């Protein structure tokens, strides 16, 4: 079984991605409109709290009683 490879380089910045994969401004606007539409549809479900338990009331670990 091969050993796993761990890549430790940082994620590329948006400027580095723009230099590596140039996108025309018109296409960039189309893509941004799609992203904005997706955020508007999905945003309400993401903004909802995941748990009704307040963080200060939540147990830190399973063994805490």
PDB file of N, CA and C in Angstrom:
ATOM      1  N   UNK A   1       0.850  -1.173   0.000  1.00  0.00           N
ATOM      2  CA  UNK A   1       0.000   0.000   0.000  1.00  0.00           C
ATOM      3  C   UNK A   1       0.899   1.240   0.000  1.00  0.00           C
ATOM      4  N   UNK A   2       0.661   2.194  -0.915  1.00  0.00           N
ATOM      5  CA  UNK A   2       1.517   3.378  -0.971  1.00  0.00           C
ATOM      6  C   UNK A   2       1.291   4.292   0.228  1.00  0.00           C
ATOM      7  N   UNK A   3       2.338   5.024   0.580  1.00  0.00           N
ATOM      8  CA  UNK A   3       2.232   5.983   1.683  1.00  0.00           C
ATOM      9  C   UNK A   3       1.407   7.188   1.237  1.00  0.00           C
ATOM     10  N   UNK A   4       0.627   7.770   2.137  1.00  0.00           N
ATOM     11  CA  UNK A   4      -0.140   8.963   1.771  1.00  0.00           C
ATOM     12  C   UNK A   4       0.792  10.157   1.566  1.00  0.00           C
ATOM     13  N   UNK A   5       0.384  11.035   0.680  1.00  0.00           N
ATOM     14  CA  UNK A   5       1.157  12.235   0.381  1.00  0.00           C
ATOM     15  C   UNK A   5       0.444  13.419   1.011  1.00  0.00           C
ATOM     16  N   UNK A   6       1.151  14.204   1.789  1.00  0.00           N
ATOM     17  CA  UNK A   6       0.598  15.401   2.416  1.00  0.00           C
ATOM     18  C   UNK A   6       1.225  16.619   1.757  1.00  0.00           C
ATOM     19  N   UNK A   7       0.409  17.420   1.098  1.00  0.00           N
ATOM     20  CA  UNK A   7       0.888  18.626   0.434  1.00  0.00           C
ATOM     21  C   UNK A   7       0.813  19.766   1.440  1.00  0.00           C
ATOM     22  N   UNK A   8       1.931  20.411   1.688  1.00  0.00           N
ATOM     23  CA  UNK A   8       1.986  21.437   2.726  1.00  0.00           C
ATOM     24  C   UNK A   8       2.079  22.849   2.160  1.00  0.00           C
ATOM     25  N   UNK A   9       1.914  23.016   0.864  1.00  0.00           N
ATOM     26  CA  UNK A   9       1.971  24.357   0.290  1.00  0.00           C
ATOM     27  C   UNK A   9       0.677  25.097   0.606  1.00  0.00           C
ATOM     28  N   UNK A  10       0.729  26.427   0.698  1.00  0.00           N
ATOM     29  CA  UNK A  10      -0.502  27.186   0.980  1.00  0.00           C
ATOM     30  C   UNK A  10      -1.425  27.193  -0.239  1.00  0.00           C
ATOM     31  N   UNK A  11      -2.722  27.429   0.004  1.00  0.00           N
ATOM     32  CA  UNK A  11      -3.677  27.542  -1.083  1.00  0.00           C
ATOM     33  C   UNK A  11      -3.329  28.753  -1.936  1.00  0.00           C
ATOM     34  N   UNK A  12      -3.516  28.682  -3.253  1.00  0.00           N
ATOM     35  CA  UNK A  12      -3.223  29.845  -4.094  1.00  0.00           C
ATOM     36  C   UNK A  12      -4.206  30.979  -3.824  1.00  0.00           C
ATOM     37  N   UNK A  13      -3.708  32.185  -3.939  1.00  0.00           N
ATOM     38  CA  UNK A  13      -4.566  33.356  -3.757  1.00  0.00           C
ATOM     39  C   UNK A  13      -5.401  33.573  -5.025  1.00  0.00           C
ATOM     40  N   UNK A  14      -6.476  34.338  -4.934  1.00  0.00           N
ATOM     41  CA  UNK A  14      -7.256  34.620  -6.148  1.00  0.00           C
ATOM     42  C   UNK A  14      -6.419  35.281  -7.247  1.00  0.00           C
ATOM     43  N   UNK A  15      -5.468  36.135  -6.875  1.00  0.00           N
ATOM     44  CA  UNK A  15      -4.617  36.777  -7.880  1.00  0.00           C
ATOM     45  C   UNK A  15      -3.754  35.743  -8.601  1.00  0.00           C
ATOM     46  N   UNK A  16      -3.227  34.764  -7.862  1.00  0.00           N
ATOM     47  CA  UNK A  16      -2.422  33.708  -8.486  1.00  0.00           C
ATOM     48  C   UNK A  16      -3.264  32.848  -9.422  1.00  0.00           C
ATOM     49  N   UNK A  17      -4.491  32.579  -9.018  1.00  0.00           N
ATOM     50  CA  UNK A  17      -5.380  31.797  -9.878  1.00  0.00           C
ATOM     51  C   UNK A  17      -5.708  32.573 -11.142  1.00  0.00           C
ATOM     52  N   UNK A  18      -5.936  33.895 -11.022  1.00  0.00           N
ATOM     53  CA  UNK A  18      -6.220  34.730 -12.190  1.00  0.00           C
ATOM     54  C   UNK A  18      -5.062  34.721 -13.179  1.00  0.00           C
ATOM     55  N   UNK A  19      -3.839  34.745 -12.658  1.00  0.00           N
ATOM     56  CA  UNK A  19      -2.675  34.718 -13.549  1.00  0.00           C
ATOM     57  C   UNK A  19      -2.537  33.359 -14.238  1.00  0.00           C
ATOM     58  N   UNK A  20      -2.839  32.297 -13.522  1.00  0.00           N
ATOM     59  CA  UNK A  20      -2.670  30.950 -14.073  1.00  0.00           C
ATOM     60  C   UNK A  20      -3.792  30.591 -15.045  1.00  0.00           C
ATOM     61  N   UNK A  21      -5.024  31.013 -14.742  1.00  0.00           N
ATOM     62  CA  UNK A  21      -6.187  30.694 -15.568  1.00  0.00           C
ATOM     63  C   UNK A  21      -6.924  31.984 -15.915  1.00  0.00           C
ATOM     64  N   UNK A  22      -6.468  32.712 -16.928  1.00  0.00           N
ATOM     65  CA  UNK A  22      -7.130  33.980 -17.258  1.00  0.00           C
ATOM     66  C   UNK A  22      -8.558  33.747 -17.766  1.00  0.00           C
ATOM     67  N   UNK A  23      -9.502  34.551 -17.232  1.00  0.00           N
ATOM     68  CA  UNK A  23     -10.911  34.476 -17.611  1.00  0.00           C
ATOM     69  C   UNK A  23     -11.323  35.855 -18.107  1.00  0.00           C
ATOM     70  N   UNK A  24     -11.991  35.919 -19.261  1.00  0.00           N
ATOM     71  CA  UNK A  24     -12.449  37.226 -19.758  1.00  0.00           C
ATOM     72  C   UNK A  24     -13.410  37.885 -18.759  1.00  0.00           C
ATOM     73  N   UNK A  25     -13.412  39.214 -18.761  1.00  0.00           N
ATOM     74  CA  UNK A  25     -14.242  39.955 -17.810  1.00  0.00           C
ATOM     75  C   UNK A  25     -15.727  39.641 -17.980  1.00  0.00           C
ATOM     76  N   UNK A  26     -16.190  39.465 -19.207  1.00  0.00           N
ATOM     77  CA  UNK A  26     -17.604  39.164 -19.434  1.00  0.00           C
ATOM     78  C   UNK A  26     -17.958  37.815 -18.807  1.00  0.00           C
ATOM     79  N   UNK A  27     -17.107  36.820 -18.965  1.00  0.00           N
ATOM     80  CA  UNK A  27     -17.372  35.504 -18.384  1.00  0.00           C
ATOM     81  C   UNK A  27     -17.313  35.570 -16.860  1.00  0.00           C
ATOM     82  N   UNK A  28     -16.382  36.377 -16.344  1.00  0.00           N
ATOM     83  CA  UNK A  28     -16.268  36.533 -14.885  1.00  0.00           C
ATOM     84  C   UNK A  28     -17.558  37.123 -14.308  1.00  0.00           C
ATOM     85  N   UNK A  29     -18.160  38.080 -15.011  1.00  0.00           N
ATOM     86  CA  UNK A  29     -19.424  38.669 -14.552  1.00  0.00           C
ATOM     87  C   UNK A  29     -20.542  37.635 -14.574  1.00  0.00           C
ATOM     88  N   UNK A  30     -20.567  36.781 -15.609  1.00  0.00           N
ATOM     89  CA  UNK A  30     -21.577  35.729 -15.676  1.00  0.00           C
ATOM     90  C   UNK A  30     -21.422  34.763 -14.504  1.00  0.00           C
ATOM     91  N   UNK A  31     -20.198  34.367 -14.236  1.00  0.00           N
ATOM     92  CA  UNK A  31     -19.942  33.448 -13.132  1.00  0.00           C
ATOM     93  C   UNK A  31     -20.308  34.079 -11.791  1.00  0.00           C
ATOM     94  N   UNK A  32     -19.997  35.360 -11.611  1.00  0.00           N
ATOM     95  CA  UNK A  32     -20.328  36.044 -10.364  1.00  0.00           C
ATOM     96  C   UNK A  32     -21.834  36.132 -10.176  1.00  0.00           C
ATOM     97  N   UNK A  33     -22.572  36.327 -11.276  1.00  0.00           N
ATOM     98  CA  UNK A  33     -24.038  36.360 -11.187  1.00  0.00           C
ATOM     99  C   UNK A  33     -24.572  35.001 -10.736  1.00  0.00           C
ATOM    100  N   UNK A  34     -23.975  33.908 -11.237  1.00  0.00           N
ATOM    101  CA  UNK A  34     -24.384  32.574 -10.805  1.00  0.00           C
ATOM    102  C   UNK A  34     -24.090  32.360  -9.324  1.00  0.00           C
ATOM    103  N   UNK A  35     -22.936  32.810  -8.875  1.00  0.00           N
ATOM    104  CA  UNK A  35     -22.572  32.666  -7.469  1.00  0.00           C
ATOM    105  C   UNK A  35     -23.517  33.472  -6.590  1.00  0.00           C
ATOM    106  N   UNK A  36     -23.823  34.684  -6.994  1.00  0.00           N
ATOM    107  CA  UNK A  36     -24.735  35.523  -6.212  1.00  0.00           C
ATOM    108  C   UNK A  36     -26.133  34.898  -6.126  1.00  0.00           C
ATOM    109  N   UNK A  37     -26.608  34.322  -7.242  1.00  0.00           N
ATOM    110  CA  UNK A  37     -27.906  33.663  -7.248  1.00  0.00           C
ATOM    111  C   UNK A  37     -27.896  32.444  -6.316  1.00  0.00           C
ATOM    112  N   UNK A  38     -26.823  31.671  -6.357  1.00  0.00           N
ATOM    113  CA  UNK A  38     -26.695  30.501  -5.490  1.00  0.00           C
ATOM    114  C   UNK A  38     -26.679  30.915  -4.022  1.00  0.00           C
ATOM    115  N   UNK A  39     -25.937  31.970  -3.704  1.00  0.00           N
ATOM    116  CA  UNK A  39     -25.881  32.447  -2.320  1.00  0.00           C
ATOM    117  C   UNK A  39     -27.244  32.923  -1.844  1.00  0.00           C
ATOM    118  N   UNK A  40     -28.017  33.550  -2.724  1.00  0.00           N
ATOM    119  CA  UNK A  40     -29.344  34.024  -2.338  1.00  0.00           C
ATOM    120  C   UNK A  40     -30.274  32.855  -2.035  1.00  0.00           C
ATOM    121  N   UNK A  41     -30.171  31.777  -2.798  1.00  0.00           N
ATOM    122  CA  UNK A  41     -31.041  30.617  -2.596  1.00  0.00           C
ATOM    123  C   UNK A  41     -30.604  29.822  -1.380  1.00  0.00           C
ATOM    124  N   UNK A  42     -29.312  29.595  -1.251  1.00  0.00           N
ATOM    125  CA  UNK A  42     -28.789  28.740  -0.192  1.00  0.00           C
ATOM    126  C   UNK A  42     -28.512  29.525   1.088  1.00  0.00           C
ATOM    127  N   UNK A  43     -28.345  30.808   1.011  1.00  0.00           N
ATOM    128  CA  UNK A  43     -27.963  31.625   2.157  1.00  0.00           C
ATOM    129  C   UNK A  43     -28.853  31.478   3.368  1.00  0.00           C
ATOM    130  N   UNK A  44     -30.152  31.326   3.164  1.00  0.00           N
ATOM    131  CA  UNK A  44     -31.068  31.230   4.297  1.00  0.00           C
ATOM    132  C   UNK A  44     -30.825  29.956   5.099  1.00  0.00           C
ATOM    133  N   UNK A  45     -30.545  28.869   4.423  1.00  0.00           N
ATOM    134  CA  UNK A  45     -30.326  27.617   5.150  1.00  0.00           C
ATOM    135  C   UNK A  45     -28.962  27.601   5.829  1.00  0.00           C
ATOM    136  N   UNK A  46     -27.990  28.277   5.266  1.00  0.00           N
ATOM    137  CA  UNK A  46     -26.654  28.323   5.871  1.00  0.00           C
ATOM    138  C   UNK A  46     -26.661  29.239   7.090  1.00  0.00           C
ATOM    139  N   UNK A  47     -27.451  30.293   7.055  1.00  0.00           N
ATOM    140  CA  UNK A  47     -27.477  31.248   8.154  1.00  0.00           C
ATOM    141  C   UNK A  47     -28.208  30.703   9.380  1.00  0.00           C
ATOM    142  N   UNK A  48     -29.016  29.676   9.191  1.00  0.00           N
ATOM    143  CA  UNK A  48     -29.757  29.107  10.315  1.00  0.00           C
ATOM    144  C   UNK A  48     -28.794  28.406  11.265  1.00  0.00           C
ATOM    145  N   UNK A  49     -29.051  28.515  12.578  1.00  0.00           N
ATOM    146  CA  UNK A  49     -28.159  27.845  13.537  1.00  0.00           C
ATOM    147  C   UNK A  49     -28.223  26.335  13.390  1.00  0.00           C
ATOM    148  N   UNK A  50     -27.085  25.677  13.565  1.00  0.00           N
ATOM    149  CA  UNK A  50     -27.004  24.232  13.429  1.00  0.00           C
ATOM    150  C   UNK A  50     -27.518  23.519  14.670  1.00  0.00           C
ATOM    151  N   UNK A  51     -27.436  24.170  15.813  1.00  0.00           N
ATOM    152  CA  UNK A  51     -27.844  23.539  17.045  1.00  0.00           C
ATOM    153  C   UNK A  51     -28.621  24.550  17.875  1.00  0.00           C
ATOM    154  N   UNK A  52     -29.628  24.059  18.558  1.00  0.00           N
ATOM    155  CA  UNK A  52     -30.403  24.952  19.402  1.00  0.00           C
ATOM    156  C   UNK A  52     -29.766  25.120  20.782  1.00  0.00           C
ATOM    157  N   UNK A  53     -28.730  24.335  21.057  1.00  0.00           N
ATOM    158  CA  UNK A  53     -28.040  24.427  22.347  1.00  0.00           C
ATOM    159  C   UNK A  53     -27.066  25.592  22.297  1.00  0.00           C
ATOM    160  N   UNK A  54     -27.111  26.436  23.296  1.00  0.00           N
ATOM    161  CA  UNK A  54     -26.189  27.562  23.347  1.00  0.00           C
ATOM    162  C   UNK A  54     -24.773  27.048  23.579  1.00  0.00           C
ATOM    163  N   UNK A  55     -23.764  27.689  22.959  1.00  0.00           N
ATOM    164  CA  UNK A  55     -22.391  27.198  23.093  1.00  0.00           C
ATOM    165  C   UNK A  55     -21.913  27.094  24.535  1.00  0.00           C
ATOM    166  N   UNK A  56     -22.325  28.019  25.397  1.00  0.00           N
ATOM    167  CA  UNK A  56     -21.855  27.970  26.789  1.00  0.00           C
ATOM    168  C   UNK A  56     -22.504  26.822  27.562  1.00  0.00           C
ATOM    169  N   UNK A  57     -23.661  26.330  27.078  1.00  0.00           N
ATOM    170  CA  UNK A  57     -24.354  25.222  27.738  1.00  0.00           C
ATOM    171  C   UNK A  57     -23.893  23.855  27.210  1.00  0.00           C
ATOM    172  N   UNK A  58     -23.233  23.850  26.057  1.00  0.00           N
ATOM    173  CA  UNK A  58     -22.810  22.602  25.443  1.00  0.00           C
ATOM    174  C   UNK A  58     -21.639  21.991  26.201  1.00  0.00           C
ATOM    175  N   UNK A  59     -21.624  20.674  26.323  1.00  0.00           N
ATOM    176  CA  UNK A  59     -20.521  20.009  27.000  1.00  0.00           C
ATOM    177  C   UNK A  59     -19.262  20.084  26.160  1.00  0.00           C
ATOM    178  N   UNK A  60     -18.117  20.208  26.785  1.00  0.00           N
ATOM    179  CA  UNK A  60     -16.841  20.303  26.082  1.00  0.00           C
ATOM    180  C   UNK A  60     -16.392  18.951  25.546  1.00  0.00           C
ATOM    181  N   UNK A  61     -16.679  17.889  26.261  1.00  0.00           N
ATOM    182  CA  UNK A  61     -16.263  16.546  25.841  1.00  0.00           C
ATOM    183  C   UNK A  61     -17.306  15.552  26.323  1.00  0.00           C
ATOM    184  N   UNK A  62     -17.263  14.381  25.789  1.00  0.00           N
ATOM    185  CA  UNK A  62     -18.269  13.372  26.096  1.00  0.00           C
ATOM    186  C   UNK A  62     -18.199  12.929  27.549  1.00  0.00           C
ATOM    187  N   UNK A  63     -17.005  12.966  28.163  1.00  0.00           N
ATOM    188  CA  UNK A  63     -16.873  12.483  29.539  1.00  0.00           C
ATOM    189  C   UNK A  63     -17.345  13.520  30.568  1.00  0.00           C
ATOM    190  N   UNK A  64     -17.551  14.774  30.122  1.00  0.00           N
ATOM    191  CA  UNK A  64     -18.016  15.800  31.070  1.00  0.00           C
ATOM    192  C   UNK A  64     -19.482  15.554  31.409  1.00  0.00           C
ATOM    193  N   UNK A  65     -19.806  15.679  32.656  1.00  0.00           N
ATOM    194  CA  UNK A  65     -21.182  15.408  33.056  1.00  0.00           C
ATOM    195  C   UNK A  65     -21.865  16.643  33.587  1.00  0.00           C
TER     196      UNK A  65
END
